[in-house]
N, C-alpha and C. Protein backbone atom coordinates (compact mmCIF):
# COMPACT_ATOMS: atom_id res chain seq x y z
N MET A 1 -27.58 -19.43 -22.79
CA MET A 1 -28.15 -18.42 -22.80
C MET A 1 -27.43 -17.41 -22.05
N PRO A 2 -27.37 -17.64 -20.92
CA PRO A 2 -26.29 -16.35 -19.93
C PRO A 2 -24.85 -16.26 -20.37
N LEU A 3 -24.22 -17.06 -20.49
CA LEU A 3 -23.20 -16.85 -21.54
C LEU A 3 -23.33 -15.78 -22.62
N VAL A 4 -24.33 -15.49 -23.11
CA VAL A 4 -24.44 -14.23 -24.26
C VAL A 4 -24.55 -13.36 -23.38
N VAL A 5 -25.49 -13.19 -22.27
CA VAL A 5 -25.69 -12.23 -21.74
C VAL A 5 -24.71 -11.29 -21.10
N VAL A 6 -23.71 -12.33 -20.58
CA VAL A 6 -22.31 -11.93 -20.06
C VAL A 6 -21.38 -11.61 -20.98
N LEU A 7 -21.45 -11.87 -21.91
CA LEU A 7 -20.54 -11.63 -23.38
C LEU A 7 -20.87 -10.05 -23.80
N ALA A 8 -22.14 -10.16 -24.29
CA ALA A 8 -23.14 -8.59 -24.47
C ALA A 8 -22.30 -7.80 -23.40
N GLY A 9 -22.68 -8.01 -22.50
CA GLY A 9 -22.15 -7.06 -20.92
C GLY A 9 -21.12 -6.38 -21.36
N VAL A 10 -20.09 -7.62 -21.61
CA VAL A 10 -18.81 -7.13 -21.24
C VAL A 10 -18.44 -6.60 -22.78
N ALA A 11 -19.16 -6.49 -23.84
CA ALA A 11 -18.83 -5.81 -25.21
C ALA A 11 -18.97 -4.58 -24.89
N LEU A 12 -20.09 -4.85 -24.18
CA LEU A 12 -20.63 -3.27 -23.65
C LEU A 12 -19.94 -2.08 -23.03
N VAL A 13 -18.97 -2.85 -21.81
CA VAL A 13 -18.49 -2.03 -20.71
C VAL A 13 -17.19 -1.97 -21.24
N MET A 14 -16.27 -2.95 -21.63
CA MET A 14 -14.77 -2.67 -21.92
C MET A 14 -14.60 -1.24 -22.67
N PRO A 15 -15.17 -1.40 -24.16
CA PRO A 15 -14.85 0.33 -24.60
C PRO A 15 -15.02 1.21 -23.81
N ASN A 16 -16.48 1.18 -23.25
CA ASN A 16 -16.25 2.67 -22.51
C ASN A 16 -15.16 2.82 -21.42
N ALA A 17 -14.84 0.68 -20.99
CA ALA A 17 -13.97 1.40 -19.74
C ALA A 17 -12.43 2.03 -19.82
N ALA A 18 -12.35 1.43 -21.16
CA ALA A 18 -11.10 2.18 -21.32
C ALA A 18 -11.34 3.43 -21.94
N ALA A 19 -11.75 3.72 -22.24
CA ALA A 19 -12.21 5.38 -22.58
C ALA A 19 -11.85 6.04 -21.36
N LEU A 20 -12.86 5.59 -20.64
CA LEU A 20 -12.95 6.47 -19.13
C LEU A 20 -11.23 6.19 -18.61
N ALA A 21 -11.07 5.08 -18.61
CA ALA A 21 -9.47 4.89 -18.22
C ALA A 21 -8.32 5.83 -18.81
N LEU A 22 -8.55 6.01 -20.13
CA LEU A 22 -7.46 6.81 -20.90
C LEU A 22 -7.72 8.12 -21.14
N SER A 23 -8.92 8.75 -20.50
CA SER A 23 -9.43 10.22 -20.38
C SER A 23 -8.83 10.68 -19.59
N ARG A 24 -8.05 10.49 -18.27
CA ARG A 24 -7.20 10.96 -17.46
C ARG A 24 -5.56 11.03 -17.85
N HIS A 25 -5.19 10.53 -18.76
CA HIS A 25 -3.94 10.71 -19.68
C HIS A 25 -4.39 11.03 -21.03
N GLY A 26 -4.18 12.19 -20.81
CA GLY A 26 -3.92 12.78 -22.60
C GLY A 26 -2.76 12.72 -23.05
N ARG A 27 -2.09 13.02 -22.17
CA ARG A 27 -0.21 13.22 -22.64
C ARG A 27 -0.06 11.66 -23.48
N THR A 28 -0.16 10.44 -22.26
CA THR A 28 0.76 9.45 -22.40
C THR A 28 -0.62 8.54 -22.86
N ALA A 29 -1.46 9.06 -23.51
CA ALA A 29 -2.93 8.11 -23.92
C ALA A 29 -2.41 6.73 -24.76
N GLY A 30 -1.34 6.61 -25.76
CA GLY A 30 -0.94 5.56 -26.22
C GLY A 30 -0.11 4.96 -25.40
N THR A 31 0.82 4.99 -24.88
CA THR A 31 1.54 4.06 -23.85
C THR A 31 -0.03 3.78 -22.94
N ALA A 32 -0.74 4.52 -22.33
CA ALA A 32 -1.99 3.58 -21.40
C ALA A 32 -2.69 2.44 -22.16
N ALA A 33 -3.30 2.96 -23.54
CA ALA A 33 -3.59 1.86 -24.34
C ALA A 33 -2.97 0.63 -24.02
N ALA A 34 -1.47 1.05 -24.45
CA ALA A 34 -0.71 -0.34 -24.66
C ALA A 34 -0.67 -0.99 -24.15
N VAL A 35 -0.84 -0.27 -22.24
CA VAL A 35 -0.92 -1.02 -21.43
C VAL A 35 -2.08 -2.03 -20.96
N LEU A 36 -3.05 -1.16 -21.47
CA LEU A 36 -4.16 -1.89 -20.97
C LEU A 36 -4.33 -3.18 -21.58
N GLY A 37 -3.78 -2.78 -23.40
CA GLY A 37 -3.52 -4.04 -24.15
C GLY A 37 -3.03 -5.20 -23.46
N ALA A 38 -2.06 -4.49 -23.52
CA ALA A 38 -1.20 -5.83 -23.13
C ALA A 38 -1.80 -6.65 -21.48
N ALA A 39 -2.46 -5.89 -21.01
CA ALA A 39 -2.63 -6.22 -19.70
C ALA A 39 -4.10 -7.21 -20.24
N ARG A 40 -4.75 -6.50 -21.00
CA ARG A 40 -5.89 -7.69 -21.56
C ARG A 40 -5.15 -9.76 -22.25
N PHE A 41 -4.42 -8.92 -22.83
CA PHE A 41 -3.44 -10.43 -23.71
C PHE A 41 -2.91 -10.99 -22.58
N LEU A 42 -2.64 -10.30 -21.47
CA LEU A 42 -1.42 -11.15 -20.74
C LEU A 42 -2.86 -12.19 -19.72
N LEU A 43 -3.75 -11.27 -19.41
CA LEU A 43 -4.92 -12.27 -18.64
C LEU A 43 -5.48 -13.43 -19.60
N GLY A 44 -5.73 -12.58 -20.69
CA GLY A 44 -6.40 -13.75 -21.45
C GLY A 44 -5.35 -15.12 -21.95
N SER A 45 -4.17 -14.78 -21.61
CA SER A 45 -3.28 -16.30 -21.89
C SER A 45 -2.55 -16.96 -20.64
N ALA A 46 -2.88 -16.17 -19.34
CA ALA A 46 -2.61 -16.58 -18.24
C ALA A 46 -4.15 -17.51 -17.82
N VAL A 47 -5.36 -17.09 -17.98
CA VAL A 47 -6.81 -17.72 -18.25
C VAL A 47 -7.03 -18.89 -18.47
N ALA A 48 -6.63 -18.73 -20.47
CA ALA A 48 -7.41 -20.03 -21.24
C ALA A 48 -6.64 -21.39 -20.61
N PRO A 49 -5.01 -21.28 -20.14
CA PRO A 49 -5.30 -22.93 -20.01
C PRO A 49 -6.15 -23.62 -18.62
N LEU A 50 -5.90 -22.20 -17.85
CA LEU A 50 -6.96 -22.80 -16.67
C LEU A 50 -8.42 -23.74 -17.11
N VAL A 51 -8.76 -22.69 -17.90
CA VAL A 51 -10.08 -23.72 -18.70
C VAL A 51 -9.76 -25.35 -18.98
N GLY A 52 -8.79 -25.33 -19.55
CA GLY A 52 -8.17 -26.98 -20.39
C GLY A 52 -7.75 -27.83 -19.29
N VAL A 53 -7.33 -27.03 -18.28
CA VAL A 53 -6.75 -28.06 -16.89
C VAL A 53 -8.33 -28.23 -16.01
N LEU A 54 -8.97 -27.44 -16.10
CA LEU A 54 -10.06 -27.86 -15.88
C LEU A 54 -11.05 -28.73 -16.33
N GLY A 55 -11.14 -29.17 -17.22
CA GLY A 55 -11.62 -30.00 -18.68
C GLY A 55 -12.53 -29.46 -19.45
N ASN A 56 -12.35 -28.29 -20.14
CA ASN A 56 -12.49 -27.98 -21.13
C ASN A 56 -14.18 -28.50 -21.48
N GLY A 57 -14.70 -27.76 -20.56
CA GLY A 57 -16.36 -27.44 -20.73
C GLY A 57 -16.86 -26.54 -20.14
N ALA A 58 -18.40 -26.75 -20.07
CA ALA A 58 -19.27 -25.34 -19.43
C ALA A 58 -19.01 -25.77 -17.78
N GLY A 59 -18.54 -26.55 -17.28
CA GLY A 59 -18.69 -25.97 -16.25
C GLY A 59 -17.42 -25.44 -15.63
N ALA A 60 -15.92 -25.64 -16.60
CA ALA A 60 -14.66 -25.19 -15.73
C ALA A 60 -14.91 -23.99 -16.22
N VAL A 61 -15.13 -23.33 -17.82
CA VAL A 61 -15.78 -21.95 -18.08
C VAL A 61 -16.87 -21.07 -16.92
N ALA A 62 -17.32 -22.05 -16.16
CA ALA A 62 -18.33 -20.82 -15.68
C ALA A 62 -17.18 -21.00 -14.44
N LEU A 63 -16.72 -21.82 -13.79
CA LEU A 63 -15.60 -21.57 -12.73
C LEU A 63 -14.88 -21.09 -13.03
N VAL A 64 -14.26 -21.23 -14.15
CA VAL A 64 -13.08 -19.69 -14.05
C VAL A 64 -13.69 -18.75 -14.61
N MET A 65 -14.74 -18.34 -14.74
CA MET A 65 -15.74 -16.73 -14.65
C MET A 65 -15.59 -16.38 -13.84
N THR A 66 -16.16 -17.76 -12.77
CA THR A 66 -16.86 -17.07 -11.26
C THR A 66 -15.49 -16.84 -10.38
N GLY A 67 -14.26 -17.21 -10.52
CA GLY A 67 -13.34 -17.32 -10.10
C GLY A 67 -12.21 -15.82 -10.53
N SER A 68 -12.72 -15.81 -11.71
CA SER A 68 -12.03 -13.87 -12.14
C SER A 68 -13.14 -12.67 -11.41
N LEU A 69 -14.16 -13.17 -11.06
CA LEU A 69 -15.31 -12.25 -10.45
C LEU A 69 -14.83 -12.07 -9.85
N VAL A 70 -15.04 -13.34 -8.50
CA VAL A 70 -14.57 -12.74 -7.21
C VAL A 70 -13.01 -12.42 -7.13
N ALA A 71 -12.58 -12.91 -7.71
CA ALA A 71 -10.80 -12.11 -7.73
C ALA A 71 -11.06 -10.29 -7.76
N THR A 72 -12.04 -10.36 -9.32
CA THR A 72 -11.91 -8.58 -9.40
C THR A 72 -12.95 -7.98 -8.59
N LEU A 73 -13.83 -8.66 -7.42
CA LEU A 73 -14.03 -7.70 -6.53
C LEU A 73 -13.36 -8.06 -5.44
N VAL A 74 -11.98 -8.74 -4.94
CA VAL A 74 -11.55 -8.84 -3.77
C VAL A 74 -10.50 -7.19 -4.37
N PHE A 75 -10.12 -7.23 -5.58
CA PHE A 75 -9.17 -6.06 -5.62
C PHE A 75 -10.03 -4.66 -5.89
N VAL A 76 -11.20 -4.62 -6.22
CA VAL A 76 -11.62 -3.48 -6.32
C VAL A 76 -12.17 -3.03 -4.83
N VAL A 77 -12.71 -4.19 -4.17
CA VAL A 77 -12.53 -3.64 -2.94
C VAL A 77 -11.40 -3.18 -1.97
N ALA A 78 -10.54 -3.96 -2.12
CA ALA A 78 -8.86 -3.74 -2.08
C ALA A 78 -8.66 -2.26 -1.99
N SER A 79 -9.19 -1.84 -3.43
CA SER A 79 -8.57 -0.80 -3.74
C SER A 79 -9.51 0.58 -3.61
N GLY A 80 -10.56 0.31 -3.07
CA GLY A 80 -11.97 1.11 -3.01
C GLY A 80 -11.01 2.67 -1.92
N ALA A 81 -10.51 2.06 -1.00
CA ALA A 81 -9.95 3.50 0.10
C ALA A 81 -9.03 4.27 -0.63
N ARG A 82 -8.49 3.73 -1.92
CA ARG A 82 -6.83 4.65 -2.78
C ARG A 82 -7.78 5.14 -3.66
N LEU A 83 -8.84 4.62 -3.96
CA LEU A 83 -9.85 5.03 -5.12
C LEU A 83 -10.18 6.68 -4.50
N ARG A 84 -11.04 6.17 -3.54
CA ARG A 84 -11.57 7.47 -2.91
C ARG A 84 -11.05 8.39 -2.67
N ARG A 85 -9.84 8.35 -1.89
CA ARG A 85 -8.80 9.32 -1.94
C ARG A 85 -8.29 10.28 -3.11
N PHE A 86 -8.31 9.31 -4.44
CA PHE A 86 -8.19 9.95 -5.43
C PHE A 86 -9.07 10.28 -6.06
N ALA A 87 -9.92 10.04 -6.05
CA ALA A 87 -11.18 11.00 -6.71
C ALA A 87 -11.67 12.45 -5.57
N ALA A 88 -11.40 12.06 -4.21
CA ALA A 88 -11.40 13.61 -3.47
C ALA A 88 -10.50 14.73 -4.25
N PHE A 89 -9.21 14.16 -4.57
CA PHE A 89 -8.24 15.22 -5.62
C PHE A 89 -9.00 15.67 -6.72
N ARG A 90 -9.59 15.46 -7.23
CA ARG A 90 -9.85 15.82 -8.92
C ARG A 90 -10.33 17.07 -9.05
């Protein structure tokens, strides 16, 4: 049941996040959408074998999801100062 909740949250957030990301790129929205799509497929193709290597069970999926969450949090915190500076110029 918790995996369903996580996937439902992702299904609600991802389209809105993409729309927000593309809203700043009016003239190059097509290219930006292509980059977002390619990044999703590249990340998926990189993470899927990890689950197989770790045992292809629920524990492996949970471990990969937790690792992805930690990596995302580190990236967001590391880029937070840059994003705050960018928001100041809006």
